[in-house]
Amino acid sequence: MLIKILIVAVLFAIVLSLASGLFHLVKDSEGQSKRMVNALTVRIVLSVALFVLLFIAWYAGLITPHNVR
């Protein structure tokens, strides 16, 4: 159960980072988008971490796919 909570928390963090990037895209003046780049970098790192977490959890048997044939 803990792994599922962790997966949902990482997904939520990815959405927050995406929203932060959108906010900085809209509000920052032109050419000053360093904060947007940082937010999107965080999102990419979180996405890769989520993929690795899902793969490890599947390999360890903590999660299983539904009706895979």
PDB file of N, CA and C in Angstrom:
ATOM      1  N   MET A   1       0.823  -1.197   0.000  1.00  0.00           N
ATOM      2  CA  MET A   1       0.000   0.000   0.000  1.00  0.00           C
ATOM      3  C   MET A   1       0.864   1.258   0.000  1.00  0.00           C
ATOM      4  N   LEU A   2       2.001   1.184   0.689  1.00  0.00           N
ATOM      5  CA  LEU A   2       2.889   2.341   0.769  1.00  0.00           C
ATOM      6  C   LEU A   2       3.420   2.720  -0.615  1.00  0.00           C
ATOM      7  N   ILE A   3       3.694   1.724  -1.445  1.00  0.00           N
ATOM      8  CA  ILE A   3       4.228   2.010  -2.784  1.00  0.00           C
ATOM      9  C   ILE A   3       3.192   2.758  -3.622  1.00  0.00           C
ATOM     10  N   LYS A   4       1.925   2.425  -3.459  1.00  0.00           N
ATOM     11  CA  LYS A   4       0.872   3.104  -4.218  1.00  0.00           C
ATOM     12  C   LYS A   4       0.726   4.559  -3.779  1.00  0.00           C
ATOM     13  N   ILE A   5       0.864   4.797  -2.481  1.00  0.00           N
ATOM     14  CA  ILE A   5       0.817   6.171  -1.977  1.00  0.00           C
ATOM     15  C   ILE A   5       1.997   6.967  -2.511  1.00  0.00           C
ATOM     16  N   LEU A   6       3.170   6.340  -2.548  1.00  0.00           N
ATOM     17  CA  LEU A   6       4.362   7.002  -3.083  1.00  0.00           C
ATOM     18  C   LEU A   6       4.202   7.326  -4.565  1.00  0.00           C
ATOM     19  N   ILE A   7       3.611   6.417  -5.325  1.00  0.00           N
ATOM     20  CA  ILE A   7       3.376   6.651  -6.755  1.00  0.00           C
ATOM     21  C   ILE A   7       2.427   7.833  -6.954  1.00  0.00           C
ATOM     22  N   VAL A   8       1.358   7.876  -6.192  1.00  0.00           N
ATOM     23  CA  VAL A   8       0.396   8.984  -6.302  1.00  0.00           C
ATOM     24  C   VAL A   8       1.050  10.298  -5.889  1.00  0.00           C
ATOM     25  N   ALA A   9       1.898  10.270  -4.865  1.00  0.00           N
ATOM     26  CA  ALA A   9       2.590  11.485  -4.419  1.00  0.00           C
ATOM     27  C   ALA A   9       3.536  12.004  -5.500  1.00  0.00           C
ATOM     28  N   VAL A  10       4.241  11.114  -6.179  1.00  0.00           N
ATOM     29  CA  VAL A  10       5.141  11.539  -7.251  1.00  0.00           C
ATOM     30  C   VAL A  10       4.334  12.089  -8.424  1.00  0.00           C
ATOM     31  N   LEU A  11       3.226  11.456  -8.756  1.00  0.00           N
ATOM     32  CA  LEU A  11       2.363  11.979  -9.824  1.00  0.00           C
ATOM     33  C   LEU A  11       1.859  13.377  -9.483  1.00  0.00           C
ATOM     34  N   PHE A  12       1.473  13.578  -8.235  1.00  0.00           N
ATOM     35  CA  PHE A  12       1.008  14.893  -7.794  1.00  0.00           C
ATOM     36  C   PHE A  12       2.135  15.922  -7.890  1.00  0.00           C
ATOM     37  N   ALA A  13       3.347  15.529  -7.525  1.00  0.00           N
ATOM     38  CA  ALA A  13       4.496  16.435  -7.624  1.00  0.00           C
ATOM     39  C   ALA A  13       4.795  16.781  -9.081  1.00  0.00           C
ATOM     40  N   ILE A  14       4.605  15.838  -9.988  1.00  0.00           N
ATOM     41  CA  ILE A  14       4.805  16.101 -11.414  1.00  0.00           C
ATOM     42  C   ILE A  14       3.792  17.137 -11.902  1.00  0.00           C
ATOM     43  N   VAL A  15       2.544  16.991 -11.500  1.00  0.00           N
ATOM     44  CA  VAL A  15       1.509  17.947 -11.908  1.00  0.00           C
ATOM     45  C   VAL A  15       1.800  19.332 -11.326  1.00  0.00           C
ATOM     46  N   LEU A  16       2.235  19.389 -10.072  1.00  0.00           N
ATOM     47  CA  LEU A  16       2.591  20.677  -9.466  1.00  0.00           C
ATOM     48  C   LEU A  16       3.751  21.343 -10.195  1.00  0.00           C
ATOM     49  N   SER A  17       4.747  20.549 -10.578  1.00  0.00           N
ATOM     50  CA  SER A  17       5.881  21.100 -11.306  1.00  0.00           C
ATOM     51  C   SER A  17       5.456  21.608 -12.684  1.00  0.00           C
ATOM     52  N   LEU A  18       4.551  20.893 -13.320  1.00  0.00           N
ATOM     53  CA  LEU A  18       4.036  21.337 -14.611  1.00  0.00           C
ATOM     54  C   LEU A  18       3.260  22.644 -14.465  1.00  0.00           C
ATOM     55  N   ALA A  19       2.453  22.750 -13.416  1.00  0.00           N
ATOM     56  CA  ALA A  19       1.709  23.987 -13.164  1.00  0.00           C
ATOM     57  C   ALA A  19       2.657  25.138 -12.847  1.00  0.00           C
ATOM     58  N   SER A  20       3.718  24.862 -12.116  1.00  0.00           N
ATOM     59  CA  SER A  20       4.707  25.890 -11.803  1.00  0.00           C
ATOM     60  C   SER A  20       5.390  26.384 -13.073  1.00  0.00           C
ATOM     61  N   GLY A  21       5.727  25.474 -13.957  1.00  0.00           N
ATOM     62  CA  GLY A  21       6.324  25.869 -15.231  1.00  0.00           C
ATOM     63  C   GLY A  21       5.385  26.725 -16.058  1.00  0.00           C
ATOM     64  N   LEU A  22       4.115  26.374 -16.079  1.00  0.00           N
ATOM     65  CA  LEU A  22       3.127  27.174 -16.805  1.00  0.00           C
ATOM     66  C   LEU A  22       2.995  28.566 -16.198  1.00  0.00           C
ATOM     67  N   PHE A  23       2.965  28.631 -14.871  1.00  0.00           N
ATOM     68  CA  PHE A  23       2.864  29.917 -14.193  1.00  0.00           C
ATOM     69  C   PHE A  23       4.059  30.812 -14.547  1.00  0.00           C
ATOM     70  N   HIS A  24       5.261  30.250 -14.508  1.00  0.00           N
ATOM     71  CA  HIS A  24       6.449  31.041 -14.810  1.00  0.00           C
ATOM     72  C   HIS A  24       6.524  31.416 -16.291  1.00  0.00           C
ATOM     73  N   LEU A  25       5.965  30.572 -17.149  1.00  0.00           N
ATOM     74  CA  LEU A  25       5.919  30.899 -18.571  1.00  0.00           C
ATOM     75  C   LEU A  25       5.043  32.119 -18.812  1.00  0.00           C
ATOM     76  N   VAL A  26       3.925  32.176 -18.107  1.00  0.00           N
ATOM     77  CA  VAL A  26       2.972  33.264 -18.311  1.00  0.00           C
ATOM     78  C   VAL A  26       3.413  34.544 -17.599  1.00  0.00           C
ATOM     79  N   LYS A  27       3.933  34.434 -16.383  1.00  0.00           N
ATOM     80  CA  LYS A  27       4.187  35.611 -15.558  1.00  0.00           C
ATOM     81  C   LYS A  27       5.576  36.228 -15.731  1.00  0.00           C
ATOM     82  N   ASP A  28       6.587  35.439 -16.064  1.00  0.00           N
ATOM     83  CA  ASP A  28       7.935  35.994 -16.196  1.00  0.00           C
ATOM     84  C   ASP A  28       8.049  36.836 -17.454  1.00  0.00           C
ATOM     85  N   SER A  29       8.892  37.864 -17.369  1.00  0.00           N
ATOM     86  CA  SER A  29       9.102  38.700 -18.545  1.00  0.00           C
ATOM     87  C   SER A  29       9.918  37.922 -19.584  1.00  0.00           C
ATOM     88  N   GLU A  30       9.886  38.392 -20.795  1.00  0.00           N
ATOM     89  CA  GLU A  30      10.537  37.686 -21.896  1.00  0.00           C
ATOM     90  C   GLU A  30      12.033  37.570 -21.659  1.00  0.00           C
ATOM     91  N   GLY A  31      12.575  36.377 -21.939  1.00  0.00           N
ATOM     92  CA  GLY A  31      13.993  36.144 -21.783  1.00  0.00           C
ATOM     93  C   GLY A  31      14.419  35.821 -20.360  1.00  0.00           C
ATOM     94  N   GLN A  32      13.504  35.845 -19.430  1.00  0.00           N
ATOM     95  CA  GLN A  32      13.804  35.566 -18.024  1.00  0.00           C
ATOM     96  C   GLN A  32      13.090  34.285 -17.579  1.00  0.00           C
ATOM     97  N   SER A  33      13.224  33.233 -18.333  1.00  0.00           N
ATOM     98  CA  SER A  33      12.458  32.015 -18.059  1.00  0.00           C
ATOM     99  C   SER A  33      13.298  30.944 -17.371  1.00  0.00           C
ATOM    100  N   LYS A  34      14.302  31.333 -16.603  1.00  0.00           N
ATOM    101  CA  LYS A  34      15.143  30.369 -15.892  1.00  0.00           C
ATOM    102  C   LYS A  34      14.318  29.543 -14.912  1.00  0.00           C
ATOM    103  N   ARG A  35      13.354  30.170 -14.248  1.00  0.00           N
ATOM    104  CA  ARG A  35      12.514  29.433 -13.302  1.00  0.00           C
ATOM    105  C   ARG A  35      11.639  28.415 -14.013  1.00  0.00           C
ATOM    106  N   MET A  36      11.189  28.739 -15.220  1.00  0.00           N
ATOM    107  CA  MET A  36      10.396  27.795 -15.986  1.00  0.00           C
ATOM    108  C   MET A  36      11.238  26.585 -16.376  1.00  0.00           C
ATOM    109  N   VAL A  37      12.451  26.839 -16.812  1.00  0.00           N
ATOM    110  CA  VAL A  37      13.348  25.738 -17.189  1.00  0.00           C
ATOM    111  C   VAL A  37      13.627  24.855 -15.981  1.00  0.00           C
ATOM    112  N   ASN A  38      13.828  25.462 -14.827  1.00  0.00           N
ATOM    113  CA  ASN A  38      14.067  24.677 -13.614  1.00  0.00           C
ATOM    114  C   ASN A  38      12.852  23.827 -13.259  1.00  0.00           C
ATOM    115  N   ALA A  39      11.662  24.391 -13.375  1.00  0.00           N
ATOM    116  CA  ALA A  39      10.443  23.640 -13.070  1.00  0.00           C
ATOM    117  C   ALA A  39      10.272  22.463 -14.030  1.00  0.00           C
ATOM    118  N   LEU A  40      10.563  22.682 -15.295  1.00  0.00           N
ATOM    119  CA  LEU A  40      10.421  21.591 -16.260  1.00  0.00           C
ATOM    120  C   LEU A  40      11.516  20.542 -16.080  1.00  0.00           C
ATOM    121  N   THR A  41      12.702  20.958 -15.640  1.00  0.00           N
ATOM    122  CA  THR A  41      13.761  20.002 -15.338  1.00  0.00           C
ATOM    123  C   THR A  41      13.363  19.115 -14.161  1.00  0.00           C
ATOM    124  N   VAL A  42      12.763  19.715 -13.164  1.00  0.00           N
ATOM    125  CA  VAL A  42      12.271  18.942 -12.018  1.00  0.00           C
ATOM    126  C   VAL A  42      11.215  17.949 -12.483  1.00  0.00           C
ATOM    127  N   ARG A  43      10.349  18.376 -13.371  1.00  0.00           N
ATOM    128  CA  ARG A  43       9.299  17.468 -13.872  1.00  0.00           C
ATOM    129  C   ARG A  43       9.897  16.286 -14.609  1.00  0.00           C
ATOM    130  N   ILE A  44      10.917  16.527 -15.413  1.00  0.00           N
ATOM    131  CA  ILE A  44      11.554  15.440 -16.155  1.00  0.00           C
ATOM    132  C   ILE A  44      12.228  14.467 -15.190  1.00  0.00           C
ATOM    133  N   VAL A  45      12.917  14.994 -14.198  1.00  0.00           N
ATOM    134  CA  VAL A  45      13.581  14.131 -13.210  1.00  0.00           C
ATOM    135  C   VAL A  45      12.548  13.307 -12.441  1.00  0.00           C
ATOM    136  N   LEU A  46      11.455  13.933 -12.043  1.00  0.00           N
ATOM    137  CA  LEU A  46      10.399  13.204 -11.341  1.00  0.00           C
ATOM    138  C   LEU A  46       9.770  12.131 -12.225  1.00  0.00           C
ATOM    139  N   SER A  47       9.597  12.429 -13.504  1.00  0.00           N
ATOM    140  CA  SER A  47       9.014  11.451 -14.428  1.00  0.00           C
ATOM    141  C   SER A  47       9.922  10.239 -14.594  1.00  0.00           C
ATOM    142  N   VAL A  48      11.205  10.474 -14.734  1.00  0.00           N
ATOM    143  CA  VAL A  48      12.155   9.365 -14.855  1.00  0.00           C
ATOM    144  C   VAL A  48      12.193   8.567 -13.547  1.00  0.00           C
ATOM    145  N   ALA A  49      12.186   9.270 -12.421  1.00  0.00           N
ATOM    146  CA  ALA A  49      12.187   8.591 -11.123  1.00  0.00           C
ATOM    147  C   ALA A  49      10.926   7.744 -10.960  1.00  0.00           C
ATOM    148  N   LEU A  50       9.789   8.255 -11.411  1.00  0.00           N
ATOM    149  CA  LEU A  50       8.542   7.496 -11.335  1.00  0.00           C
ATOM    150  C   LEU A  50       8.624   6.237 -12.194  1.00  0.00           C
ATOM    151  N   PHE A  51       9.176   6.348 -13.380  1.00  0.00           N
ATOM    152  CA  PHE A  51       9.323   5.187 -14.253  1.00  0.00           C
ATOM    153  C   PHE A  51      10.203   4.133 -13.593  1.00  0.00           C
ATOM    154  N   VAL A  52      11.318   4.558 -13.025  1.00  0.00           N
ATOM    155  CA  VAL A  52      12.219   3.617 -12.352  1.00  0.00           C
ATOM    156  C   VAL A  52      11.522   2.997 -11.144  1.00  0.00           C
ATOM    157  N   LEU A  53      10.796   3.800 -10.373  1.00  0.00           N
ATOM    158  CA  LEU A  53      10.057   3.300  -9.224  1.00  0.00           C
ATOM    159  C   LEU A  53       9.017   2.260  -9.640  1.00  0.00           C
ATOM    160  N   LEU A  54       8.290   2.538 -10.702  1.00  0.00           N
ATOM    161  CA  LEU A  54       7.293   1.585 -11.190  1.00  0.00           C
ATOM    162  C   LEU A  54       7.947   0.283 -11.651  1.00  0.00           C
ATOM    163  N   PHE A  55       9.060   0.395 -12.333  1.00  0.00           N
ATOM    164  CA  PHE A  55       9.744  -0.807 -12.819  1.00  0.00           C
ATOM    165  C   PHE A  55      10.257  -1.648 -11.656  1.00  0.00           C
ATOM    166  N   ILE A  56      10.860  -1.007 -10.659  1.00  0.00           N
ATOM    167  CA  ILE A  56      11.370  -1.737  -9.495  1.00  0.00           C
ATOM    168  C   ILE A  56      10.224  -2.370  -8.710  1.00  0.00           C
ATOM    169  N   ALA A  57       9.131  -1.634  -8.533  1.00  0.00           N
ATOM    170  CA  ALA A  57       7.978  -2.171  -7.807  1.00  0.00           C
ATOM    171  C   ALA A  57       7.369  -3.358  -8.550  1.00  0.00           C
ATOM    172  N   TRP A  58       7.323  -3.287  -9.858  1.00  0.00           N
ATOM    173  CA  TRP A  58       6.807  -4.413 -10.649  1.00  0.00           C
ATOM    174  C   TRP A  58       7.736  -5.612 -10.537  1.00  0.00           C
ATOM    175  N   TYR A  59       9.035  -5.372 -10.644  1.00  0.00           N
ATOM    176  CA  TYR A  59      10.023  -6.448 -10.582  1.00  0.00           C
ATOM    177  C   TYR A  59      10.011  -7.125  -9.212  1.00  0.00           C
ATOM    178  N   ALA A  60       9.799  -6.347  -8.154  1.00  0.00           N
ATOM    179  CA  ALA A  60       9.775  -6.890  -6.800  1.00  0.00           C
ATOM    180  C   ALA A  60       8.426  -7.535  -6.464  1.00  0.00           C
ATOM    181  N   GLY A  61       7.440  -7.375  -7.330  1.00  0.00           N
ATOM    182  CA  GLY A  61       6.133  -7.974  -7.104  1.00  0.00           C
ATOM    183  C   GLY A  61       5.220  -7.143  -6.229  1.00  0.00           C
ATOM    184  N   LEU A  62       5.576  -5.883  -6.008  1.00  0.00           N
ATOM    185  CA  LEU A  62       4.741  -5.016  -5.181  1.00  0.00           C
ATOM    186  C   LEU A  62       3.509  -4.530  -5.927  1.00  0.00           C
ATOM    187  N   ILE A  63       3.607  -4.422  -7.248  1.00  0.00           N
ATOM    188  CA  ILE A  63       2.464  -4.069  -8.090  1.00  0.00           C
ATOM    189  C   ILE A  63       2.392  -5.067  -9.231  1.00  0.00           C
ATOM    190  N   THR A  64       1.200  -5.306  -9.741  1.00  0.00           N
ATOM    191  CA  THR A  64       1.022  -6.224 -10.859  1.00  0.00           C
ATOM    192  C   THR A  64       0.096  -5.593 -11.883  1.00  0.00           C
ATOM    193  N   PRO A  65       0.353  -5.847 -13.154  1.00  0.00           N
ATOM    194  CA  PRO A  65      -0.554  -5.344 -14.190  1.00  0.00           C
ATOM    195  C   PRO A  65      -1.866  -6.132 -14.175  1.00  0.00           C
ATOM    196  N   HIS A  66      -2.922  -5.498 -14.643  1.00  0.00           N
ATOM    197  CA  HIS A  66      -4.242  -6.132 -14.657  1.00  0.00           C
ATOM    198  C   HIS A  66      -4.518  -6.752 -16.014  1.00  0.00           C
ATOM    199  N   ASN A  67      -4.884  -8.037 -16.009  1.00  0.00           N
ATOM    200  CA  ASN A  67      -5.346  -8.751 -17.209  1.00  0.00           C
ATOM    201  C   ASN A  67      -4.409  -8.619 -18.401  1.00  0.00           C
ATOM    202  N   VAL A  68      -3.129  -8.806 -18.186  1.00  0.00           N
ATOM    203  CA  VAL A  68      -2.185  -8.781 -19.294  1.00  0.00           C
ATOM    204  C   VAL A  68      -2.139 -10.170 -19.888  1.00  0.00           C
ATOM    205  N   ARG A  69      -2.367 -10.248 -21.208  1.00  0.00           N
ATOM    206  CA  ARG A  69      -2.378 -11.558 -21.877  1.00  0.00           C
ATOM    207  C   ARG A  69      -1.338 -11.605 -22.940  1.00  0.00           C
TER     208      ARG A  69
END
